[in-house]
Amino acid sequence: MSFALAGFRAHPADTTARWAMMNLLPPNTLTYRMQNGQPVLLYADPIACGCVYMGDKTAYAAYKASHPIDVAQEQRMTAEINQHPGWDWSVWDSTADVDVVNGLRPGPSHVFY
């Protein structure tokens, strides 16, 4: 099962700020960042889509059901977040996208996971 089928949403790294945030994540590795006290699972795919897949606990459970994740891998996810605590959610908001703000491209009202 792919991330999209599990309920993750692909968010393109189509601005300089988004590209920089994507590059804070380990490429092609499932990890997470906290937002409002809840984990948001992230998967940076800089080569295939130039995007970050984002999902909530439900999407993670669906993905995990078809891709068993062992305790060691979950511990690596936790260790990785402690190395890069400065995640900026604001760059993923549609108001951070110059084309959306200028009316050149439609955008969501907020980021969905």
PDB file of N, CA and C in Angstrom:
ATOM      1  N   MET A   1       0.849  -1.178   0.000  1.00  0.00           N
ATOM      2  CA  MET A   1       0.000   0.000   0.000  1.00  0.00           C
ATOM      3  C   MET A   1       0.892   1.237   0.000  1.00  0.00           C
ATOM      4  N   SER A   2       0.569   2.179  -0.840  1.00  0.00           N
ATOM      5  CA  SER A   2       1.348   3.411  -0.894  1.00  0.00           C
ATOM      6  C   SER A   2       0.861   4.385   0.178  1.00  0.00           C
ATOM      7  N   PHE A   3       1.607   5.452   0.357  1.00  0.00           N
ATOM      8  CA  PHE A   3       1.206   6.465   1.321  1.00  0.00           C
ATOM      9  C   PHE A   3      -0.139   7.069   0.956  1.00  0.00           C
ATOM     10  N   ALA A   4      -0.346   7.363  -0.314  1.00  0.00           N
ATOM     11  CA  ALA A   4      -1.603   7.970  -0.750  1.00  0.00           C
ATOM     12  C   ALA A   4      -2.785   7.045  -0.464  1.00  0.00           C
ATOM     13  N   LEU A   5      -2.642   5.760  -0.728  1.00  0.00           N
ATOM     14  CA  LEU A   5      -3.731   4.822  -0.461  1.00  0.00           C
ATOM     15  C   LEU A   5      -4.016   4.687   1.028  1.00  0.00           C
ATOM     16  N   ALA A   6      -3.009   4.904   1.862  1.00  0.00           N
ATOM     17  CA  ALA A   6      -3.184   4.807   3.311  1.00  0.00           C
ATOM     18  C   ALA A   6      -3.831   6.060   3.898  1.00  0.00           C
ATOM     19  N   GLY A   7      -3.929   7.130   3.100  1.00  0.00           N
ATOM     20  CA  GLY A   7      -4.559   8.351   3.584  1.00  0.00           C
ATOM     21  C   GLY A   7      -3.613   9.522   3.773  1.00  0.00           C
ATOM     22  N   PHE A   8      -2.352   9.336   3.406  1.00  0.00           N
ATOM     23  CA  PHE A   8      -1.408  10.443   3.449  1.00  0.00           C
ATOM     24  C   PHE A   8      -1.685  11.367   2.264  1.00  0.00           C
ATOM     25  N   ARG A   9      -1.409  12.655   2.426  1.00  0.00           N
ATOM     26  CA  ARG A   9      -1.561  13.618   1.337  1.00  0.00           C
ATOM     27  C   ARG A   9      -0.190  14.137   0.935  1.00  0.00           C
ATOM     28  N   ALA A  10       0.028  14.237  -0.367  1.00  0.00           N
ATOM     29  CA  ALA A  10       1.292  14.764  -0.891  1.00  0.00           C
ATOM     30  C   ALA A  10       1.210  16.282  -0.937  1.00  0.00           C
ATOM     31  N   HIS A  11       2.197  16.936  -0.340  1.00  0.00           N
ATOM     32  CA  HIS A  11       2.289  18.393  -0.360  1.00  0.00           C
ATOM     33  C   HIS A  11       3.558  18.769  -1.106  1.00  0.00           C
ATOM     34  N   PRO A  12       3.430  19.372  -2.289  1.00  0.00           N
ATOM     35  CA  PRO A  12       4.615  19.690  -3.081  1.00  0.00           C
ATOM     36  C   PRO A  12       5.517  20.704  -2.383  1.00  0.00           C
ATOM     37  N   ALA A  13       6.795  20.497  -2.509  1.00  0.00           N
ATOM     38  CA  ALA A  13       7.788  21.453  -1.991  1.00  0.00           C
ATOM     39  C   ALA A  13       8.055  22.443  -3.119  1.00  0.00           C
ATOM     40  N   ASP A  14       7.059  23.277  -3.394  1.00  0.00           N
ATOM     41  CA  ASP A  14       7.094  24.143  -4.563  1.00  0.00           C
ATOM     42  C   ASP A  14       7.442  25.596  -4.254  1.00  0.00           C
ATOM     43  N   THR A  15       7.920  25.844  -3.056  1.00  0.00           N
ATOM     44  CA  THR A  15       8.467  27.165  -2.724  1.00  0.00           C
ATOM     45  C   THR A  15       9.833  26.937  -2.085  1.00  0.00           C
ATOM     46  N   THR A  16      10.624  27.964  -2.030  1.00  0.00           N
ATOM     47  CA  THR A  16      11.948  27.839  -1.427  1.00  0.00           C
ATOM     48  C   THR A  16      11.845  27.412   0.032  1.00  0.00           C
ATOM     49  N   ALA A  17      10.892  27.989   0.766  1.00  0.00           N
ATOM     50  CA  ALA A  17      10.730  27.648   2.184  1.00  0.00           C
ATOM     51  C   ALA A  17      10.301  26.197   2.357  1.00  0.00           C
ATOM     52  N   ARG A  18       9.396  25.716   1.508  1.00  0.00           N
ATOM     53  CA  ARG A  18       8.950  24.323   1.602  1.00  0.00           C
ATOM     54  C   ARG A  18      10.078  23.371   1.245  1.00  0.00           C
ATOM     55  N   TRP A  19      10.859  23.721   0.241  1.00  0.00           N
ATOM     56  CA  TRP A  19      11.989  22.876  -0.151  1.00  0.00           C
ATOM     57  C   TRP A  19      12.984  22.779   1.010  1.00  0.00           C
ATOM     58  N   ALA A  20      13.236  23.904   1.663  1.00  0.00           N
ATOM     59  CA  ALA A  20      14.157  23.913   2.799  1.00  0.00           C
ATOM     60  C   ALA A  20      13.621  23.043   3.934  1.00  0.00           C
ATOM     61  N   MET A  21      12.318  23.131   4.223  1.00  0.00           N
ATOM     62  CA  MET A  21      11.732  22.310   5.285  1.00  0.00           C
ATOM     63  C   MET A  21      11.768  20.835   4.905  1.00  0.00           C
ATOM     64  N   MET A  22      11.482  20.509   3.642  1.00  0.00           N
ATOM     65  CA  MET A  22      11.537  19.118   3.207  1.00  0.00           C
ATOM     66  C   MET A  22      12.935  18.553   3.423  1.00  0.00           C
ATOM     67  N   ASN A  23      13.948  19.384   3.168  1.00  0.00           N
ATOM     68  CA  ASN A  23      15.324  18.919   3.300  1.00  0.00           C
ATOM     69  C   ASN A  23      15.778  18.781   4.746  1.00  0.00           C
ATOM     70  N   LEU A  24      14.974  19.232   5.714  1.00  0.00           N
ATOM     71  CA  LEU A  24      15.265  18.958   7.116  1.00  0.00           C
ATOM     72  C   LEU A  24      14.908  17.522   7.491  1.00  0.00           C
ATOM     73  N   LEU A  25      14.059  16.906   6.676  1.00  0.00           N
ATOM     74  CA  LEU A  25      13.628  15.530   6.937  1.00  0.00           C
ATOM     75  C   LEU A  25      14.593  14.551   6.293  1.00  0.00           C
ATOM     76  N   PRO A  26      14.762  13.385   6.896  1.00  0.00           N
ATOM     77  CA  PRO A  26      15.565  12.362   6.223  1.00  0.00           C
ATOM     78  C   PRO A  26      14.822  11.890   4.975  1.00  0.00           C
ATOM     79  N   PRO A  27      15.476  11.867   3.815  1.00  0.00           N
ATOM     80  CA  PRO A  27      14.770  11.481   2.589  1.00  0.00           C
ATOM     81  C   PRO A  27      14.335  10.017   2.615  1.00  0.00           C
ATOM     82  N   ASN A  28      13.150   9.795   2.068  1.00  0.00           N
ATOM     83  CA  ASN A  28      12.610   8.442   1.900  1.00  0.00           C
ATOM     84  C   ASN A  28      12.563   7.660   3.210  1.00  0.00           C
ATOM     85  N   THR A  29      12.237   8.363   4.282  1.00  0.00           N
ATOM     86  CA  THR A  29      12.145   7.756   5.606  1.00  0.00           C
ATOM     87  C   THR A  29      10.919   8.315   6.312  1.00  0.00           C
ATOM     88  N   LEU A  30      10.130   7.437   6.885  1.00  0.00           N
ATOM     89  CA  LEU A  30       8.953   7.867   7.627  1.00  0.00           C
ATOM     90  C   LEU A  30       9.391   8.442   8.964  1.00  0.00           C
ATOM     91  N   THR A  31       8.907   9.622   9.278  1.00  0.00           N
ATOM     92  CA  THR A  31       9.209  10.286  10.541  1.00  0.00           C
ATOM     93  C   THR A  31       7.985  11.090  10.951  1.00  0.00           C
ATOM     94  N   TYR A  32       8.106  11.884  11.993  1.00  0.00           N
ATOM     95  CA  TYR A  32       6.963  12.699  12.399  1.00  0.00           C
ATOM     96  C   TYR A  32       7.425  13.999  13.038  1.00  0.00           C
ATOM     97  N   ARG A  33       6.493  14.935  13.104  1.00  0.00           N
ATOM     98  CA  ARG A  33       6.654  16.191  13.821  1.00  0.00           C
ATOM     99  C   ARG A  33       5.364  16.424  14.586  1.00  0.00           C
ATOM    100  N   MET A  34       5.445  17.119  15.692  1.00  0.00           N
ATOM    101  CA  MET A  34       4.264  17.395  16.508  1.00  0.00           C
ATOM    102  C   MET A  34       3.616  18.698  16.047  1.00  0.00           C
ATOM    103  N   GLN A  35       2.289  18.700  16.008  1.00  0.00           N
ATOM    104  CA  GLN A  35       1.526  19.913  15.739  1.00  0.00           C
ATOM    105  C   GLN A  35       0.317  19.907  16.650  1.00  0.00           C
ATOM    106  N   ASN A  36       0.194  20.952  17.467  1.00  0.00           N
ATOM    107  CA  ASN A  36      -0.923  21.067  18.406  1.00  0.00           C
ATOM    108  C   ASN A  36      -1.054  19.831  19.295  1.00  0.00           C
ATOM    109  N   GLY A  37       0.090  19.298  19.722  1.00  0.00           N
ATOM    110  CA  GLY A  37       0.095  18.150  20.618  1.00  0.00           C
ATOM    111  C   GLY A  37      -0.171  16.815  19.958  1.00  0.00           C
ATOM    112  N   GLN A  38      -0.294  16.786  18.644  1.00  0.00           N
ATOM    113  CA  GLN A  38      -0.566  15.545  17.910  1.00  0.00           C
ATOM    114  C   GLN A  38       0.558  15.265  16.916  1.00  0.00           C
ATOM    115  N   PRO A  39       0.931  13.995  16.748  1.00  0.00           N
ATOM    116  CA  PRO A  39       1.957  13.686  15.751  1.00  0.00           C
ATOM    117  C   PRO A  39       1.393  13.730  14.338  1.00  0.00           C
ATOM    118  N   VAL A  40       2.155  14.314  13.434  1.00  0.00           N
ATOM    119  CA  VAL A  40       1.839  14.282  12.005  1.00  0.00           C
ATOM    120  C   VAL A  40       2.968  13.495  11.368  1.00  0.00           C
ATOM    121  N   LEU A  41       2.631  12.370  10.739  1.00  0.00           N
ATOM    122  CA  LEU A  41       3.623  11.526  10.107  1.00  0.00           C
ATOM    123  C   LEU A  41       4.045  12.141   8.790  1.00  0.00           C
ATOM    124  N   LEU A  42       5.341  12.131   8.523  1.00  0.00           N
ATOM    125  CA  LEU A  42       5.912  12.778   7.344  1.00  0.00           C
ATOM    126  C   LEU A  42       6.833  11.821   6.602  1.00  0.00           C
ATOM    127  N   TYR A  43       6.799  11.935   5.283  1.00  0.00           N
ATOM    128  CA  TYR A  43       7.696  11.162   4.427  1.00  0.00           C
ATOM    129  C   TYR A  43       8.155  12.096   3.313  1.00  0.00           C
ATOM    130  N   ALA A  44       9.435  12.468   3.356  1.00  0.00           N
ATOM    131  CA  ALA A  44       9.989  13.358   2.338  1.00  0.00           C
ATOM    132  C   ALA A  44      10.418  12.532   1.133  1.00  0.00           C
ATOM    133  N   ASP A  45       9.923  12.922  -0.037  1.00  0.00           N
ATOM    134  CA  ASP A  45      10.258  12.240  -1.289  1.00  0.00           C
ATOM    135  C   ASP A  45      10.807  13.278  -2.267  1.00  0.00           C
ATOM    136  N   PRO A  46      12.089  13.668  -2.085  1.00  0.00           N
ATOM    137  CA  PRO A  46      12.644  14.740  -2.905  1.00  0.00           C
ATOM    138  C   PRO A  46      12.885  14.362  -4.365  1.00  0.00           C
ATOM    139  N   ILE A  47      12.999  13.094  -4.681  1.00  0.00           N
ATOM    140  CA  ILE A  47      13.318  12.672  -6.052  1.00  0.00           C
ATOM    141  C   ILE A  47      12.060  12.402  -6.876  1.00  0.00           C
ATOM    142  N   ALA A  48      11.204  11.504  -6.426  1.00  0.00           N
ATOM    143  CA  ALA A  48      10.057  11.081  -7.233  1.00  0.00           C
ATOM    144  C   ALA A  48       9.001  12.169  -7.392  1.00  0.00           C
ATOM    145  N   CYS A  49       8.639  12.831  -6.287  1.00  0.00           N
ATOM    146  CA  CYS A  49       7.558  13.827  -6.406  1.00  0.00           C
ATOM    147  C   CYS A  49       7.976  15.218  -5.935  1.00  0.00           C
ATOM    148  N   GLY A  50       9.128  15.344  -5.289  1.00  0.00           N
ATOM    149  CA  GLY A  50       9.513  16.646  -4.750  1.00  0.00           C
ATOM    150  C   GLY A  50       8.472  17.136  -3.770  1.00  0.00           C
ATOM    151  N   CYS A  51       8.040  16.235  -2.881  1.00  0.00           N
ATOM    152  CA  CYS A  51       6.952  16.550  -1.974  1.00  0.00           C
ATOM    153  C   CYS A  51       7.180  15.904  -0.612  1.00  0.00           C
ATOM    154  N   VAL A  52       6.308  16.278   0.309  1.00  0.00           N
ATOM    155  CA  VAL A  52       6.274  15.650   1.620  1.00  0.00           C
ATOM    156  C   VAL A  52       4.887  15.055   1.794  1.00  0.00           C
ATOM    157  N   TYR A  53       4.829  13.755   2.029  1.00  0.00           N
ATOM    158  CA  TYR A  53       3.563  13.106   2.352  1.00  0.00           C
ATOM    159  C   TYR A  53       3.296  13.351   3.829  1.00  0.00           C
ATOM    160  N   MET A  54       2.066  13.783   4.164  1.00  0.00           N
ATOM    161  CA  MET A  54       1.682  14.054   5.542  1.00  0.00           C
ATOM    162  C   MET A  54       0.451  13.245   5.880  1.00  0.00           C
ATOM    163  N   GLY A  55       0.476  12.631   7.051  1.00  0.00           N
ATOM    164  CA  GLY A  55      -0.671  11.842   7.482  1.00  0.00           C
ATOM    165  C   GLY A  55      -0.864  11.876   8.983  1.00  0.00           C
ATOM    166  N   ASP A  56      -2.091  11.604   9.394  1.00  0.00           N
ATOM    167  CA  ASP A  56      -2.401  11.566  10.818  1.00  0.00           C
ATOM    168  C   ASP A  56      -2.256  10.142  11.349  1.00  0.00           C
ATOM    169  N   LYS A  57      -2.695   9.927  12.597  1.00  0.00           N
ATOM    170  CA  LYS A  57      -2.558   8.605  13.216  1.00  0.00           C
ATOM    171  C   LYS A  57      -3.346   7.535  12.464  1.00  0.00           C
ATOM    172  N   THR A  58      -4.492   7.910  11.897  1.00  0.00           N
ATOM    173  CA  THR A  58      -5.310   6.951  11.147  1.00  0.00           C
ATOM    174  C   THR A  58      -4.581   6.504   9.877  1.00  0.00           C
ATOM    175  N   ALA A  59      -3.988   7.456   9.162  1.00  0.00           N
ATOM    176  CA  ALA A  59      -3.230   7.116   7.953  1.00  0.00           C
ATOM    177  C   ALA A  59      -2.022   6.257   8.308  1.00  0.00           C
ATOM    178  N   TYR A  60      -1.375   6.580   9.417  1.00  0.00           N
ATOM    179  CA  TYR A  60      -0.219   5.799   9.857  1.00  0.00           C
ATOM    180  C   TYR A  60      -0.624   4.364  10.181  1.00  0.00           C
ATOM    181  N   ALA A  61      -1.762   4.197  10.858  1.00  0.00           N
ATOM    182  CA  ALA A  61      -2.241   2.844  11.188  1.00  0.00           C
ATOM    183  C   ALA A  61      -2.536   2.051   9.920  1.00  0.00           C
ATOM    184  N   ALA A  62      -3.143   2.695   8.923  1.00  0.00           N
ATOM    185  CA  ALA A  62      -3.440   2.010   7.655  1.00  0.00           C
ATOM    186  C   ALA A  62      -2.148   1.623   6.947  1.00  0.00           C
ATOM    187  N   TYR A  63      -1.168   2.525   6.946  1.00  0.00           N
ATOM    188  CA  TYR A  63       0.115   2.228   6.303  1.00  0.00           C
ATOM    189  C   TYR A  63       0.826   1.097   7.044  1.00  0.00           C
ATOM    190  N   LYS A  64       0.817   1.188   8.360  1.00  0.00           N
ATOM    191  CA  LYS A  64       1.516   0.202   9.195  1.00  0.00           C
ATOM    192  C   LYS A  64       0.909  -1.196   9.050  1.00  0.00           C
ATOM    193  N   ALA A  65      -0.389  -1.274   8.775  1.00  0.00           N
ATOM    194  CA  ALA A  65      -1.059  -2.563   8.609  1.00  0.00           C
ATOM    195  C   ALA A  65      -0.494  -3.341   7.423  1.00  0.00           C
ATOM    196  N   SER A  66      -0.057  -2.624   6.390  1.00  0.00           N
ATOM    197  CA  SER A  66       0.479  -3.314   5.210  1.00  0.00           C
ATOM    198  C   SER A  66       2.002  -3.224   5.119  1.00  0.00           C
ATOM    199  N   HIS A  67       2.613  -2.420   5.984  1.00  0.00           N
ATOM    200  CA  HIS A  67       4.066  -2.268   6.026  1.00  0.00           C
ATOM    201  C   HIS A  67       4.506  -2.364   7.486  1.00  0.00           C
ATOM    202  N   PRO A  68       4.713  -3.567   7.980  1.00  0.00           N
ATOM    203  CA  PRO A  68       5.076  -3.705   9.394  1.00  0.00           C
ATOM    204  C   PRO A  68       6.297  -2.858   9.755  1.00  0.00           C
ATOM    205  N   ILE A  69       6.158  -2.133  10.853  1.00  0.00           N
ATOM    206  CA  ILE A  69       7.230  -1.270  11.343  1.00  0.00           C
ATOM    207  C   ILE A  69       7.633  -1.799  12.709  1.00  0.00           C
ATOM    208  N   ASP A  70       8.917  -2.122  12.846  1.00  0.00           N
ATOM    209  CA  ASP A  70       9.358  -2.696  14.109  1.00  0.00           C
ATOM    210  C   ASP A  70       9.679  -1.611  15.142  1.00  0.00           C
ATOM    211  N   VAL A  71       9.881  -2.036  16.364  1.00  0.00           N
ATOM    212  CA  VAL A  71      10.145  -1.115  17.469  1.00  0.00           C
ATOM    213  C   VAL A  71      11.395  -0.288  17.209  1.00  0.00           C
ATOM    214  N   ALA A  72      12.435  -0.901  16.651  1.00  0.00           N
ATOM    215  CA  ALA A  72      13.680  -0.180  16.375  1.00  0.00           C
ATOM    216  C   ALA A  72      13.437   0.967  15.387  1.00  0.00           C
ATOM    217  N   GLN A  73      12.606   0.723  14.368  1.00  0.00           N
ATOM    218  CA  GLN A  73      12.315   1.767  13.389  1.00  0.00           C
ATOM    219  C   GLN A  73      11.530   2.908  14.040  1.00  0.00           C
ATOM    220  N   GLU A  74      10.575   2.583  14.908  1.00  0.00           N
ATOM    221  CA  GLU A  74       9.827   3.634  15.601  1.00  0.00           C
ATOM    222  C   GLU A  74      10.740   4.428  16.535  1.00  0.00           C
ATOM    223  N   GLN A  75      11.721   3.764  17.146  1.00  0.00           N
ATOM    224  CA  GLN A  75      12.675   4.468  17.998  1.00  0.00           C
ATOM    225  C   GLN A  75      13.552   5.405  17.173  1.00  0.00           C
ATOM    226  N   ARG A  76      13.913   4.994  15.949  1.00  0.00           N
ATOM    227  CA  ARG A  76      14.690   5.868  15.065  1.00  0.00           C
ATOM    228  C   ARG A  76      13.881   7.106  14.687  1.00  0.00           C
ATOM    229  N   MET A  77      12.560   6.922  14.480  1.00  0.00           N
ATOM    230  CA  MET A  77      11.690   8.056  14.157  1.00  0.00           C
ATOM    231  C   MET A  77      11.713   9.076  15.303  1.00  0.00           C
ATOM    232  N   THR A  78      11.638   8.589  16.527  1.00  0.00           N
ATOM    233  CA  THR A  78      11.648   9.468  17.692  1.00  0.00           C
ATOM    234  C   THR A  78      13.002  10.139  17.854  1.00  0.00           C
ATOM    235  N   ALA A  79      14.070   9.398  17.653  1.00  0.00           N
ATOM    236  CA  ALA A  79      15.415   9.976  17.768  1.00  0.00           C
ATOM    237  C   ALA A  79      15.625  11.056  16.720  1.00  0.00           C
ATOM    238  N   GLU A  80      15.097  10.857  15.521  1.00  0.00           N
ATOM    239  CA  GLU A  80      15.276  11.818  14.439  1.00  0.00           C
ATOM    240  C   GLU A  80      14.586  13.133  14.756  1.00  0.00           C
ATOM    241  N   ILE A  81      13.397  13.094  15.355  1.00  0.00           N
ATOM    242  CA  ILE A  81      12.697  14.342  15.667  1.00  0.00           C
ATOM    243  C   ILE A  81      13.495  15.168  16.676  1.00  0.00           C
ATOM    244  N   ASN A  82      14.214  14.508  17.565  1.00  0.00           N
ATOM    245  CA  ASN A  82      15.008  15.223  18.557  1.00  0.00           C
ATOM    246  C   ASN A  82      16.221  15.906  17.942  1.00  0.00           C
ATOM    247  N   GLN A  83      16.627  15.491  16.762  1.00  0.00           N
ATOM    248  CA  GLN A  83      17.744  16.122  16.070  1.00  0.00           C
ATOM    249  C   GLN A  83      17.313  17.390  15.341  1.00  0.00           C
ATOM    250  N   HIS A  84      16.046  17.486  14.951  1.00  0.00           N
ATOM    251  CA  HIS A  84      15.547  18.609  14.153  1.00  0.00           C
ATOM    252  C   HIS A  84      14.238  19.134  14.728  1.00  0.00           C
ATOM    253  N   PRO A  85      14.284  19.794  15.884  1.00  0.00           N
ATOM    254  CA  PRO A  85      13.038  20.249  16.492  1.00  0.00           C
ATOM    255  C   PRO A  85      12.427  21.479  15.829  1.00  0.00           C
ATOM    256  N   GLY A  86      13.134  22.161  14.919  1.00  0.00           N
ATOM    257  CA  GLY A  86      12.660  23.423  14.366  1.00  0.00           C
ATOM    258  C   GLY A  86      11.786  23.310  13.134  1.00  0.00           C
ATOM    259  N   TRP A  87      10.760  22.519  13.158  1.00  0.00           N
ATOM    260  CA  TRP A  87       9.856  22.365  12.014  1.00  0.00           C
ATOM    261  C   TRP A  87       8.895  23.538  11.972  1.00  0.00           C
ATOM    262  N   ASP A  88       8.725  24.159  10.817  1.00  0.00           N
ATOM    263  CA  ASP A  88       7.861  25.332  10.668  1.00  0.00           C
ATOM    264  C   ASP A  88       6.642  24.966   9.836  1.00  0.00           C
ATOM    265  N   TRP A  89       5.498  24.785  10.497  1.00  0.00           N
ATOM    266  CA  TRP A  89       4.277  24.412   9.795  1.00  0.00           C
ATOM    267  C   TRP A  89       3.755  25.526   8.907  1.00  0.00           C
ATOM    268  N   SER A  90       4.111  26.771   9.201  1.00  0.00           N
ATOM    269  CA  SER A  90       3.547  27.896   8.453  1.00  0.00           C
ATOM    270  C   SER A  90       3.914  27.880   6.972  1.00  0.00           C
ATOM    271  N   VAL A  91       5.036  27.283   6.602  1.00  0.00           N
ATOM    272  CA  VAL A  91       5.417  27.272   5.183  1.00  0.00           C
ATOM    273  C   VAL A  91       4.510  26.375   4.352  1.00  0.00           C
ATOM    274  N   TRP A  92       3.749  25.486   4.998  1.00  0.00           N
ATOM    275  CA  TRP A  92       2.853  24.582   4.271  1.00  0.00           C
ATOM    276  C   TRP A  92       1.456  25.164   4.138  1.00  0.00           C
ATOM    277  N   ASP A  93       1.186  26.299   4.755  1.00  0.00           N
ATOM    278  CA  ASP A  93      -0.103  26.965   4.645  1.00  0.00           C
ATOM    279  C   ASP A  93      -0.225  27.573   3.247  1.00  0.00           C
ATOM    280  N   SER A  94      -1.434  27.599   2.703  1.00  0.00           N
ATOM    281  CA  SER A  94      -1.608  28.135   1.346  1.00  0.00           C
ATOM    282  C   SER A  94      -1.229  29.605   1.266  1.00  0.00           C
ATOM    283  N   THR A  95      -1.307  30.339   2.378  1.00  0.00           N
ATOM    284  CA  THR A  95      -0.934  31.752   2.353  1.00  0.00           C
ATOM    285  C   THR A  95       0.569  31.943   2.189  1.00  0.00           C
ATOM    286  N   ALA A  96       1.339  30.864   2.353  1.00  0.00           N
ATOM    287  CA  ALA A  96       2.785  30.946   2.162  1.00  0.00           C
ATOM    288  C   ALA A  96       3.162  30.740   0.698  1.00  0.00           C
ATOM    289  N   ASP A  97       2.199  30.383  -0.135  1.00  0.00           N
ATOM    290  CA  ASP A  97       2.439  30.117  -1.551  1.00  0.00           C
ATOM    291  C   ASP A  97       2.157  31.393  -2.342  1.00  0.00           C
ATOM    292  N   VAL A  98       3.180  31.970  -2.918  1.00  0.00           N
ATOM    293  CA  VAL A  98       3.062  33.242  -3.639  1.00  0.00           C
ATOM    294  C   VAL A  98       2.037  33.160  -4.767  1.00  0.00           C
ATOM    295  N   ASP A  99       1.997  32.048  -5.513  1.00  0.00           N
ATOM    296  CA  ASP A  99       1.043  31.916  -6.615  1.00  0.00           C
ATOM    297  C   ASP A  99      -0.404  31.906  -6.119  1.00  0.00           C
ATOM    298  N   VAL A 100      -0.637  31.278  -4.960  1.00  0.00           N
ATOM    299  CA  VAL A 100      -1.988  31.256  -4.406  1.00  0.00           C
ATOM    300  C   VAL A 100      -2.371  32.652  -3.937  1.00  0.00           C
ATOM    301  N   VAL A 101      -1.476  33.309  -3.221  1.00  0.00           N
ATOM    302  CA  VAL A 101      -1.749  34.656  -2.717  1.00  0.00           C
ATOM    303  C   VAL A 101      -2.022  35.619  -3.865  1.00  0.00           C
ATOM    304  N   ASN A 102      -1.293  35.493  -4.964  1.00  0.00           N
ATOM    305  CA  ASN A 102      -1.470  36.369  -6.117  1.00  0.00           C
ATOM    306  C   ASN A 102      -2.615  35.944  -7.036  1.00  0.00           C
ATOM    307  N   GLY A 103      -3.298  34.853  -6.696  1.00  0.00           N
ATOM    308  CA  GLY A 103      -4.432  34.407  -7.480  1.00  0.00           C
ATOM    309  C   GLY A 103      -4.060  33.673  -8.761  1.00  0.00           C
ATOM    310  N   LEU A 104      -2.799  33.284  -8.903  1.00  0.00           N
ATOM    311  CA  LEU A 104      -2.366  32.573 -10.105  1.00  0.00           C
ATOM    312  C   LEU A 104      -2.689  31.088 -10.050  1.00  0.00           C
ATOM    313  N   ARG A 105      -2.892  30.573  -8.844  1.00  0.00           N
ATOM    314  CA  ARG A 105      -3.196  29.157  -8.677  1.00  0.00           C
ATOM    315  C   ARG A 105      -4.094  29.008  -7.460  1.00  0.00           C
ATOM    316  N   PRO A 106      -5.145  28.184  -7.554  1.00  0.00           N
ATOM    317  CA  PRO A 106      -6.013  27.988  -6.384  1.00  0.00           C
ATOM    318  C   PRO A 106      -5.278  27.183  -5.329  1.00  0.00           C
ATOM    319  N   GLY A 107      -5.651  27.375  -4.095  1.00  0.00           N
ATOM    320  CA  GLY A 107      -5.027  26.641  -3.002  1.00  0.00           C
ATOM    321  C   GLY A 107      -6.033  26.300  -1.932  1.00  0.00           C
ATOM    322  N   PRO A 108      -5.688  25.340  -1.086  1.00  0.00           N
ATOM    323  CA  PRO A 108      -6.586  24.994   0.014  1.00  0.00           C
ATOM    324  C   PRO A 108      -6.590  26.113   1.052  1.00  0.00           C
ATOM    325  N   SER A 109      -7.600  26.140   1.884  1.00  0.00           N
ATOM    326  CA  SER A 109      -7.661  27.169   2.917  1.00  0.00           C
ATOM    327  C   SER A 109      -6.686  26.857   4.043  1.00  0.00           C
ATOM    328  N   HIS A 110      -6.334  25.578   4.202  1.00  0.00           N
ATOM    329  CA  HIS A 110      -5.311  25.192   5.175  1.00  0.00           C
ATOM    330  C   HIS A 110      -4.760  23.820   4.780  1.00  0.00           C
ATOM    331  N   VAL A 111      -3.717  23.403   5.461  1.00  0.00           N
ATOM    332  CA  VAL A 111      -3.063  22.133   5.142  1.00  0.00           C
ATOM    333  C   VAL A 111      -3.881  20.985   5.707  1.00  0.00           C
ATOM    334  N   PHE A 112      -4.146  19.976   4.879  1.00  0.00           N
ATOM    335  CA  PHE A 112      -4.798  18.753   5.304  1.00  0.00           C
ATOM    336  C   PHE A 112      -3.752  17.651   5.361  1.00  0.00           C
ATOM    337  N   TYR A 113      -3.887  16.737   6.301  1.00  0.00           N
ATOM    338  CA  TYR A 113      -2.909  15.650   6.434  1.00  0.00           C
ATOM    339  C   TYR A 113      -3.498  14.376   5.903  1.00  0.00           C
TER     340      TYR A 113
END
